[in-house]
Every structure is written in C-alpha cells, then in structure tokens.
Amino acid sequence: MRGIQTIADGLRSNRTGAIVLPDIKSLVDDVVAVPDEQIVLAAYLLTWAKLMVEYSGATALAAVLSGSWRADGRRTAVVISGGNIDPEAVARVLDGRDLQSEDNVT
C-alpha cells in the first residue's frame, strides 16, 4: 500500500496493525474502493446537513452514494465520523474548491 494517494488521508496506511487484523478478518465482509471525487462530494453534501467531517469520515457515505457499495435490500447504517479536519480543508469543503479541482489529492 505504499505510495497510495488519496484525499482521505486518515485511511491511508502503510500496513494493517497486527492487533486489529484478526478482528477485521472476522467482522468485515467486503472492502470497496471509492474515488476521491465521490468522497469530496459526500463531504460537501454533509455540510448541507450542518455536518462537518474530514474526508475519511465521509468515505462510507461516498461508497453508498456512488454505487461502489450496494445495500441490495438490506437495512443499512452509514457511520459518519471524523472531526479532525484542518481549517484549510474546512474552507475547501465549504466553498466547493475540491469539487472543482482536477487533482484533489492532498
């Protein structure tokens, strides 16, 4: 995973920790990739609901909205989290700058 570029920097990791890997293997059914553009859009849409989250915290919503993950009739909850966002990123989300950027990777 070295060299992964994403706007969701809180999800960027070089490796999975040995302590959590067994839990991930037993509890996680699927992992999907979500384009940065969809993550940015999800974070921006959340501001309309007066929610400010870091891009990593908007990724689950982005997966559902973009169709990267489908509920297929199942009851679904989307966890939206992450208030660890720097002021410059807040400004970019609020004014939509990252929505317009061709290269929105930080």
N, C-alpha and C. Protein backbone atom coordinates (compact mmCIF):
# COMPACT_ATOMS: atom_id res chain seq x y z
N MET A 1 0.81 -1.20 0.00
CA MET A 1 0.00 0.00 0.00
C MET A 1 0.85 1.26 0.00
N ARG A 2 2.11 1.10 -0.08
CA ARG A 2 2.98 2.28 -0.09
C ARG A 2 2.69 3.16 -1.31
N GLY A 3 2.73 4.45 -1.08
CA GLY A 3 2.54 5.38 -2.17
C GLY A 3 1.08 5.62 -2.54
N ILE A 4 0.14 5.11 -1.76
CA ILE A 4 -1.27 5.33 -2.04
C ILE A 4 -1.56 6.82 -1.89
N GLN A 5 -2.20 7.40 -2.88
CA GLN A 5 -2.58 8.81 -2.84
C GLN A 5 -4.09 8.89 -2.73
N THR A 6 -4.56 9.58 -1.71
CA THR A 6 -6.00 9.79 -1.54
C THR A 6 -6.24 11.04 -0.72
N ILE A 7 -7.37 11.64 -0.96
CA ILE A 7 -7.76 12.80 -0.18
C ILE A 7 -8.16 12.38 1.24
N ALA A 8 -8.52 11.12 1.40
CA ALA A 8 -8.93 10.58 2.71
C ALA A 8 -7.68 10.14 3.48
N ASP A 9 -6.90 11.10 3.90
CA ASP A 9 -5.60 10.78 4.50
C ASP A 9 -5.70 9.99 5.80
N GLY A 10 -6.82 10.06 6.48
CA GLY A 10 -6.99 9.28 7.71
C GLY A 10 -7.11 7.78 7.44
N LEU A 11 -7.38 7.41 6.21
CA LEU A 11 -7.49 5.99 5.84
C LEU A 11 -6.22 5.46 5.20
N ARG A 12 -5.31 6.35 4.90
CA ARG A 12 -4.07 5.95 4.23
C ARG A 12 -3.12 5.33 5.26
N SER A 13 -2.71 4.12 4.98
CA SER A 13 -1.84 3.41 5.90
C SER A 13 -0.85 2.56 5.12
N ASN A 14 0.31 2.36 5.69
CA ASN A 14 1.30 1.50 5.04
C ASN A 14 1.06 0.03 5.32
N ARG A 15 0.35 -0.25 6.42
CA ARG A 15 0.11 -1.65 6.77
C ARG A 15 -1.06 -1.73 7.75
N THR A 16 -1.61 -2.93 7.87
CA THR A 16 -2.67 -3.17 8.85
C THR A 16 -2.03 -3.65 10.13
N GLY A 17 -2.42 -3.09 11.24
CA GLY A 17 -1.85 -3.46 12.52
C GLY A 17 -2.15 -4.90 12.90
N ALA A 18 -1.19 -5.57 13.46
CA ALA A 18 -1.34 -6.98 13.85
C ALA A 18 -2.42 -7.17 14.90
N ILE A 19 -2.66 -6.17 15.72
CA ILE A 19 -3.67 -6.29 16.78
C ILE A 19 -5.08 -6.30 16.20
N VAL A 20 -5.34 -5.45 15.20
CA VAL A 20 -6.70 -5.35 14.66
C VAL A 20 -6.97 -6.29 13.50
N LEU A 21 -5.94 -6.84 12.87
CA LEU A 21 -6.14 -7.69 11.69
C LEU A 21 -7.07 -8.88 11.96
N PRO A 22 -6.95 -9.60 13.07
CA PRO A 22 -7.89 -10.70 13.32
C PRO A 22 -9.35 -10.22 13.41
N ASP A 23 -9.57 -9.06 14.01
CA ASP A 23 -10.93 -8.52 14.10
C ASP A 23 -11.46 -8.17 12.71
N ILE A 24 -10.62 -7.57 11.90
CA ILE A 24 -11.02 -7.22 10.54
C ILE A 24 -11.41 -8.48 9.77
N LYS A 25 -10.58 -9.50 9.86
CA LYS A 25 -10.86 -10.74 9.13
C LYS A 25 -12.16 -11.39 9.58
N SER A 26 -12.50 -11.28 10.87
CA SER A 26 -13.71 -11.94 11.36
C SER A 26 -14.98 -11.09 11.21
N LEU A 27 -14.85 -9.77 11.12
CA LEU A 27 -16.02 -8.90 11.12
C LEU A 27 -16.34 -8.22 9.79
N VAL A 28 -15.35 -8.05 8.94
CA VAL A 28 -15.55 -7.30 7.70
C VAL A 28 -15.91 -8.25 6.57
N ASP A 29 -17.02 -7.97 5.91
CA ASP A 29 -17.48 -8.80 4.79
C ASP A 29 -16.90 -8.37 3.46
N ASP A 30 -16.67 -7.07 3.30
CA ASP A 30 -16.26 -6.57 2.00
C ASP A 30 -15.51 -5.25 2.16
N VAL A 31 -14.65 -4.97 1.22
CA VAL A 31 -13.94 -3.70 1.16
C VAL A 31 -14.12 -3.17 -0.26
N VAL A 32 -14.45 -1.90 -0.38
CA VAL A 32 -14.64 -1.31 -1.70
C VAL A 32 -13.76 -0.07 -1.83
N ALA A 33 -13.43 0.26 -3.06
CA ALA A 33 -12.67 1.48 -3.35
C ALA A 33 -13.67 2.58 -3.73
N VAL A 34 -13.37 3.78 -3.29
CA VAL A 34 -14.23 4.93 -3.58
C VAL A 34 -13.35 6.03 -4.18
N PRO A 35 -13.72 6.54 -5.35
CA PRO A 35 -12.93 7.61 -5.95
C PRO A 35 -12.92 8.87 -5.09
N ASP A 36 -11.80 9.57 -5.08
CA ASP A 36 -11.69 10.80 -4.31
C ASP A 36 -12.80 11.79 -4.63
N GLU A 37 -13.17 11.88 -5.90
CA GLU A 37 -14.22 12.82 -6.31
C GLU A 37 -15.53 12.54 -5.56
N GLN A 38 -15.84 11.28 -5.34
CA GLN A 38 -17.06 10.92 -4.63
C GLN A 38 -16.96 11.22 -3.14
N ILE A 39 -15.76 11.07 -2.59
CA ILE A 39 -15.53 11.40 -1.18
C ILE A 39 -15.72 12.90 -0.96
N VAL A 40 -15.16 13.69 -1.85
CA VAL A 40 -15.29 15.15 -1.77
C VAL A 40 -16.76 15.54 -1.87
N LEU A 41 -17.49 14.94 -2.80
CA LEU A 41 -18.91 15.25 -2.96
C LEU A 41 -19.70 14.90 -1.70
N ALA A 42 -19.42 13.74 -1.12
CA ALA A 42 -20.13 13.33 0.10
C ALA A 42 -19.86 14.31 1.24
N ALA A 43 -18.62 14.73 1.41
CA ALA A 43 -18.29 15.69 2.47
C ALA A 43 -19.00 17.02 2.23
N TYR A 44 -19.05 17.43 0.98
CA TYR A 44 -19.74 18.68 0.65
C TYR A 44 -21.24 18.57 0.91
N LEU A 45 -21.85 17.46 0.52
CA LEU A 45 -23.28 17.27 0.76
C LEU A 45 -23.60 17.27 2.26
N LEU A 46 -22.71 16.73 3.06
CA LEU A 46 -22.93 16.70 4.51
C LEU A 46 -22.97 18.10 5.11
N THR A 47 -22.29 19.06 4.48
CA THR A 47 -22.33 20.43 5.00
C THR A 47 -23.75 21.00 4.90
N TRP A 48 -24.54 20.53 3.96
CA TRP A 48 -25.93 20.99 3.84
C TRP A 48 -26.74 20.55 5.04
N ALA A 49 -26.32 19.46 5.67
CA ALA A 49 -26.99 18.97 6.88
C ALA A 49 -26.31 19.54 8.13
N LYS A 50 -25.46 20.54 7.93
CA LYS A 50 -24.72 21.18 9.03
C LYS A 50 -23.75 20.23 9.72
N LEU A 51 -23.22 19.27 8.95
CA LEU A 51 -22.22 18.32 9.47
C LEU A 51 -20.90 18.57 8.79
N MET A 52 -19.86 18.72 9.58
CA MET A 52 -18.52 18.91 9.03
C MET A 52 -17.69 17.71 9.43
N VAL A 53 -17.28 16.93 8.44
CA VAL A 53 -16.45 15.76 8.71
C VAL A 53 -15.22 15.80 7.83
N GLU A 54 -14.18 15.15 8.31
CA GLU A 54 -12.99 15.02 7.47
C GLU A 54 -13.32 14.06 6.34
N TYR A 55 -12.51 14.10 5.30
CA TYR A 55 -12.79 13.27 4.13
C TYR A 55 -12.85 11.78 4.47
N SER A 56 -12.01 11.32 5.36
CA SER A 56 -12.04 9.91 5.75
C SER A 56 -13.39 9.54 6.36
N GLY A 57 -13.98 10.45 7.10
CA GLY A 57 -15.27 10.21 7.74
C GLY A 57 -16.45 10.22 6.78
N ALA A 58 -16.25 10.77 5.60
CA ALA A 58 -17.31 10.82 4.59
C ALA A 58 -17.22 9.66 3.61
N THR A 59 -16.22 8.83 3.74
CA THR A 59 -15.97 7.77 2.76
C THR A 59 -17.08 6.73 2.70
N ALA A 60 -17.62 6.33 3.84
CA ALA A 60 -18.70 5.33 3.83
C ALA A 60 -19.92 5.87 3.09
N LEU A 61 -20.28 7.12 3.34
CA LEU A 61 -21.40 7.73 2.62
C LEU A 61 -21.08 7.80 1.14
N ALA A 62 -19.87 8.16 0.80
CA ALA A 62 -19.47 8.23 -0.61
C ALA A 62 -19.60 6.87 -1.29
N ALA A 63 -19.28 5.80 -0.58
CA ALA A 63 -19.40 4.45 -1.15
C ALA A 63 -20.85 4.14 -1.50
N VAL A 64 -21.77 4.51 -0.62
CA VAL A 64 -23.19 4.25 -0.87
C VAL A 64 -23.71 5.14 -1.99
N LEU A 65 -23.43 6.43 -1.92
CA LEU A 65 -23.95 7.37 -2.92
C LEU A 65 -23.40 7.10 -4.31
N SER A 66 -22.16 6.65 -4.41
CA SER A 66 -21.53 6.43 -5.71
C SER A 66 -21.89 5.08 -6.32
N GLY A 67 -22.47 4.20 -5.51
CA GLY A 67 -22.78 2.87 -6.00
C GLY A 67 -21.63 1.89 -5.87
N SER A 68 -20.53 2.33 -5.25
CA SER A 68 -19.41 1.41 -5.02
C SER A 68 -19.82 0.28 -4.09
N TRP A 69 -20.76 0.57 -3.20
CA TRP A 69 -21.34 -0.45 -2.32
C TRP A 69 -22.85 -0.35 -2.44
N ARG A 70 -23.49 -1.50 -2.53
CA ARG A 70 -24.95 -1.53 -2.70
C ARG A 70 -25.59 -2.26 -1.53
N ALA A 71 -26.69 -1.71 -1.05
CA ALA A 71 -27.40 -2.31 0.07
C ALA A 71 -28.15 -3.57 -0.34
N ASP A 72 -28.56 -3.67 -1.59
CA ASP A 72 -29.28 -4.83 -2.10
C ASP A 72 -30.45 -5.23 -1.19
N GLY A 73 -31.21 -4.24 -0.73
CA GLY A 73 -32.39 -4.51 0.07
C GLY A 73 -32.14 -4.70 1.56
N ARG A 74 -30.87 -4.71 1.96
CA ARG A 74 -30.56 -4.89 3.38
C ARG A 74 -30.71 -3.56 4.12
N ARG A 75 -31.10 -3.65 5.39
CA ARG A 75 -31.08 -2.44 6.23
C ARG A 75 -29.63 -2.00 6.34
N THR A 76 -29.43 -0.72 6.20
CA THR A 76 -28.06 -0.21 6.13
C THR A 76 -27.91 1.02 7.01
N ALA A 77 -26.83 1.07 7.74
CA ALA A 77 -26.45 2.25 8.50
C ALA A 77 -25.09 2.71 7.99
N VAL A 78 -24.94 4.00 7.85
CA VAL A 78 -23.68 4.57 7.40
C VAL A 78 -23.11 5.38 8.56
N VAL A 79 -21.93 5.01 8.99
CA VAL A 79 -21.26 5.74 10.07
C VAL A 79 -20.52 6.93 9.46
N ILE A 80 -20.86 8.10 9.95
CA ILE A 80 -20.22 9.34 9.51
C ILE A 80 -19.46 9.87 10.71
N SER A 81 -18.16 10.00 10.55
CA SER A 81 -17.34 10.39 11.71
C SER A 81 -16.18 11.26 11.26
N GLY A 82 -15.45 11.72 12.23
CA GLY A 82 -14.20 12.39 11.93
C GLY A 82 -14.30 13.90 11.91
N GLY A 83 -14.00 14.51 13.02
CA GLY A 83 -13.96 15.96 13.10
C GLY A 83 -12.53 16.48 13.11
N ASN A 84 -11.59 15.62 12.84
CA ASN A 84 -10.18 16.00 12.85
C ASN A 84 -9.81 16.57 11.48
N ILE A 85 -10.29 17.76 11.22
CA ILE A 85 -10.10 18.38 9.90
C ILE A 85 -9.46 19.74 10.09
N ASP A 86 -8.44 20.04 9.30
CA ASP A 86 -7.74 21.30 9.47
C ASP A 86 -8.54 22.45 8.84
N PRO A 87 -8.32 23.67 9.31
CA PRO A 87 -9.11 24.82 8.84
C PRO A 87 -9.06 25.02 7.33
N GLU A 88 -7.93 24.79 6.71
CA GLU A 88 -7.83 24.95 5.25
C GLU A 88 -8.73 23.94 4.54
N ALA A 89 -8.77 22.71 5.03
CA ALA A 89 -9.63 21.69 4.43
C ALA A 89 -11.10 22.07 4.62
N VAL A 90 -11.45 22.62 5.78
CA VAL A 90 -12.82 23.08 6.01
C VAL A 90 -13.20 24.12 4.97
N ALA A 91 -12.32 25.06 4.73
CA ALA A 91 -12.59 26.10 3.74
C ALA A 91 -12.79 25.49 2.36
N ARG A 92 -11.97 24.50 2.00
CA ARG A 92 -12.09 23.86 0.68
C ARG A 92 -13.42 23.12 0.55
N VAL A 93 -13.85 22.46 1.63
CA VAL A 93 -15.13 21.74 1.60
C VAL A 93 -16.27 22.74 1.46
N LEU A 94 -16.27 23.78 2.29
CA LEU A 94 -17.38 24.72 2.32
C LEU A 94 -17.55 25.51 1.02
N ASP A 95 -16.45 25.87 0.40
CA ASP A 95 -16.60 26.65 -0.84
C ASP A 95 -16.57 25.80 -2.09
N GLY A 96 -16.45 24.47 -1.91
CA GLY A 96 -16.51 23.57 -3.05
C GLY A 96 -15.27 23.53 -3.91
N ARG A 97 -14.15 24.10 -3.41
CA ARG A 97 -12.93 24.10 -4.21
C ARG A 97 -12.49 22.70 -4.62
N ASP A 98 -12.58 21.74 -3.72
CA ASP A 98 -12.14 20.39 -4.05
C ASP A 98 -13.09 19.73 -5.05
N LEU A 99 -14.34 20.20 -5.11
CA LEU A 99 -15.27 19.67 -6.10
C LEU A 99 -14.84 20.05 -7.51
N GLN A 100 -14.20 21.19 -7.62
CA GLN A 100 -13.82 21.72 -8.93
C GLN A 100 -12.40 21.34 -9.32
N SER A 101 -11.63 20.82 -8.40
CA SER A 101 -10.23 20.51 -8.64
C SER A 101 -10.08 19.23 -9.46
N GLU A 102 -9.21 19.27 -10.46
CA GLU A 102 -8.93 18.05 -11.22
C GLU A 102 -8.02 17.12 -10.43
N ASP A 103 -7.21 17.69 -9.56
CA ASP A 103 -6.31 16.88 -8.74
C ASP A 103 -6.58 17.22 -7.28
N ASN A 104 -7.58 16.53 -6.69
CA ASN A 104 -7.99 16.89 -5.34
C ASN A 104 -7.32 16.02 -4.28
N VAL A 105 -6.21 15.40 -4.62
CA VAL A 105 -5.46 14.60 -3.66
C VAL A 105 -4.57 15.52 -2.85
N THR A 106 -4.64 15.38 -1.51
CA THR A 106 -3.80 16.21 -0.67
C THR A 106 -2.45 15.58 -0.47
